[in-house]
Amino acid sequence: MPILREQILSGEVAVGAYRYFKVYEPKERKICASAFSEQVLHHALMNICHVYFERAQIFDGYASRKDKGTYAALSRARMFSNGNTWF
């Protein structure tokens, strides 16, 4: 039985095994990446829980949402800024 499956069934999933590294484009940044098994677990949970999370979200939240994102947020902000001096 795969390790992640065993951990899920036992209720003792190992988390926190991060990899730290630096990237230098366009500037130096320290990256903290979760282990592959944690990424798999996160995607599996989101496949199940996403529908419930969407119901609780406000309309104007754009991060990590289907059919939302940077361009949708900019479009919405542009709409609010038309005719509103202090937006």
C-alpha atoms as a PDB file:
ATOM      1  CA  MET A   1       0.000   0.000   0.000  1.00  0.00           C
ATOM      2  CA  PRO A   2       1.462   3.431  -0.914  1.00  0.00           C
ATOM      3  CA  ILE A   3       2.788   5.458   2.008  1.00  0.00           C
ATOM      4  CA  LEU A   4       0.474   8.468   1.544  1.00  0.00           C
ATOM      5  CA  ARG A   5      -2.585   6.213   1.465  1.00  0.00           C
ATOM      6  CA  GLU A   6      -1.466   4.499   4.679  1.00  0.00           C
ATOM      7  CA  GLN A   7      -0.951   7.860   6.359  1.00  0.00           C
ATOM      8  CA  ILE A   8      -4.384   9.112   5.287  1.00  0.00           C
ATOM      9  CA  LEU A   9      -6.121   5.948   6.511  1.00  0.00           C
ATOM     10  CA  SER A  10      -4.288   6.083   9.838  1.00  0.00           C
ATOM     11  CA  GLY A  11      -4.999   9.798  10.272  1.00  0.00           C
ATOM     12  CA  GLU A  12      -1.312  10.607  10.654  1.00  0.00           C
ATOM     13  CA  VAL A  13      -0.217  12.394   7.502  1.00  0.00           C
ATOM     14  CA  ALA A  14       3.358  13.627   7.644  1.00  0.00           C
ATOM     15  CA  VAL A  15       3.550  17.298   6.647  1.00  0.00           C
ATOM     16  CA  GLY A  16       6.212  19.973   6.801  1.00  0.00           C
ATOM     17  CA  ALA A  17       8.989  18.370   4.754  1.00  0.00           C
ATOM     18  CA  TYR A  18       9.694  21.567   2.838  1.00  0.00           C
ATOM     19  CA  ARG A  19      12.467  22.179   0.336  1.00  0.00           C
ATOM     20  CA  TYR A  20      14.085  25.599   0.460  1.00  0.00           C
ATOM     21  CA  PHE A  21      15.929  27.083  -2.492  1.00  0.00           C
ATOM     22  CA  LYS A  22      16.656  30.421  -4.086  1.00  0.00           C
ATOM     23  CA  VAL A  23      15.771  31.757  -7.490  1.00  0.00           C
ATOM     24  CA  TYR A  24      17.401  34.823  -8.945  1.00  0.00           C
ATOM     25  CA  GLU A  25      15.055  35.909 -11.711  1.00  0.00           C
ATOM     26  CA  PRO A  26      14.044  38.711 -11.748  1.00  0.00           C
ATOM     27  CA  LYS A  27      15.475  39.185  -8.247  1.00  0.00           C
ATOM     28  CA  GLU A  28      16.688  36.921  -5.465  1.00  0.00           C
ATOM     29  CA  ARG A  29      13.836  35.146  -3.683  1.00  0.00           C
ATOM     30  CA  LYS A  30      13.748  32.286  -1.215  1.00  0.00           C
ATOM     31  CA  ILE A  31      11.247  29.596  -2.212  1.00  0.00           C
ATOM     32  CA  CYS A  32       9.649  27.175   0.226  1.00  0.00           C
ATOM     33  CA  ALA A  33       8.172  24.191  -1.627  1.00  0.00           C
ATOM     34  CA  SER A  34       6.149  21.439  -0.010  1.00  0.00           C
ATOM     35  CA  ALA A  35       6.971  17.788  -0.576  1.00  0.00           C
ATOM     36  CA  PHE A  36       5.410  16.080  -3.590  1.00  0.00           C
ATOM     37  CA  SER A  37       3.171  13.911  -1.377  1.00  0.00           C
ATOM     38  CA  GLU A  38       1.769  17.052   0.290  1.00  0.00           C
ATOM     39  CA  GLN A  39       1.018  18.557  -3.118  1.00  0.00           C
ATOM     40  CA  VAL A  40      -0.802  15.372  -4.140  1.00  0.00           C
ATOM     41  CA  LEU A  41      -2.808  15.441  -0.895  1.00  0.00           C
ATOM     42  CA  HIS A  42      -3.665  19.126  -1.372  1.00  0.00           C
ATOM     43  CA  HIS A  43      -4.955  18.525  -4.907  1.00  0.00           C
ATOM     44  CA  ALA A  44      -6.982  15.504  -3.792  1.00  0.00           C
ATOM     45  CA  LEU A  45      -8.584  17.497  -0.971  1.00  0.00           C
ATOM     46  CA  MET A  46      -9.305  20.459  -3.239  1.00  0.00           C
ATOM     47  CA  ASN A  47     -10.979  18.193  -5.808  1.00  0.00           C
ATOM     48  CA  ILE A  48     -13.470  17.238  -3.096  1.00  0.00           C
ATOM     49  CA  CYS A  49     -13.704  20.449  -1.047  1.00  0.00           C
ATOM     50  CA  HIS A  50     -13.556  23.076  -3.797  1.00  0.00           C
ATOM     51  CA  VAL A  51     -17.330  23.111  -4.342  1.00  0.00           C
ATOM     52  CA  TYR A  52     -17.958  23.814  -0.654  1.00  0.00           C
ATOM     53  CA  PHE A  53     -15.269  26.501  -0.469  1.00  0.00           C
ATOM     54  CA  GLU A  54     -16.730  28.243  -3.525  1.00  0.00           C
ATOM     55  CA  ARG A  55     -20.100  28.559  -1.791  1.00  0.00           C
ATOM     56  CA  ALA A  56     -18.485  30.431   1.115  1.00  0.00           C
ATOM     57  CA  GLN A  57     -16.351  32.799  -0.997  1.00  0.00           C
ATOM     58  CA  ILE A  58     -17.264  36.382  -1.721  1.00  0.00           C
ATOM     59  CA  PHE A  59     -17.768  37.176  -5.399  1.00  0.00           C
ATOM     60  CA  ASP A  60     -14.763  39.494  -5.610  1.00  0.00           C
ATOM     61  CA  GLY A  61     -12.145  36.999  -4.417  1.00  0.00           C
ATOM     62  CA  TYR A  62      -9.965  36.064  -7.397  1.00  0.00           C
ATOM     63  CA  ALA A  63      -6.998  34.006  -6.177  1.00  0.00           C
ATOM     64  CA  SER A  64      -6.866  30.322  -7.175  1.00  0.00           C
ATOM     65  CA  ARG A  65     -10.428  30.189  -8.453  1.00  0.00           C
ATOM     66  CA  LYS A  66     -11.724  28.735 -11.688  1.00  0.00           C
ATOM     67  CA  ASP A  67     -12.646  31.395 -14.243  1.00  0.00           C
ATOM     68  CA  LYS A  68     -11.130  34.069 -12.010  1.00  0.00           C
ATOM     69  CA  GLY A  69      -7.569  35.340 -11.698  1.00  0.00           C
ATOM     70  CA  THR A  70      -5.483  38.367 -12.506  1.00  0.00           C
ATOM     71  CA  TYR A  71      -7.297  39.467 -15.654  1.00  0.00           C
ATOM     72  CA  ALA A  72     -10.769  39.007 -14.166  1.00  0.00           C
ATOM     73  CA  ALA A  73      -9.700  40.998 -11.082  1.00  0.00           C
ATOM     74  CA  LEU A  74      -8.264  43.790 -13.250  1.00  0.00           C
ATOM     75  CA  SER A  75     -11.424  43.926 -15.323  1.00  0.00           C
ATOM     76  CA  ARG A  76     -13.574  44.166 -12.196  1.00  0.00           C
ATOM     77  CA  ALA A  77     -11.322  46.864 -10.705  1.00  0.00           C
ATOM     78  CA  ARG A  78     -11.490  48.812 -13.969  1.00  0.00           C
ATOM     79  CA  MET A  79     -15.287  48.676 -13.792  1.00  0.00           C
ATOM     80  CA  PHE A  80     -15.297  50.028 -10.204  1.00  0.00           C
ATOM     81  CA  SER A  81     -12.762  52.733 -11.010  1.00  0.00           C
ATOM     82  CA  ASN A  82     -14.851  54.243 -13.818  1.00  0.00           C
ATOM     83  CA  GLY A  83     -16.530  57.300 -12.322  1.00  0.00           C
ATOM     84  CA  ASN A  84     -15.087  56.766  -8.832  1.00  0.00           C
ATOM     85  CA  THR A  85     -12.248  59.187  -8.167  1.00  0.00           C
ATOM     86  CA  TRP A  86     -11.012  57.535  -4.975  1.00  0.00           C
ATOM     87  CA  PHE A  87     -11.161  53.881  -5.978  1.00  0.00           C
END
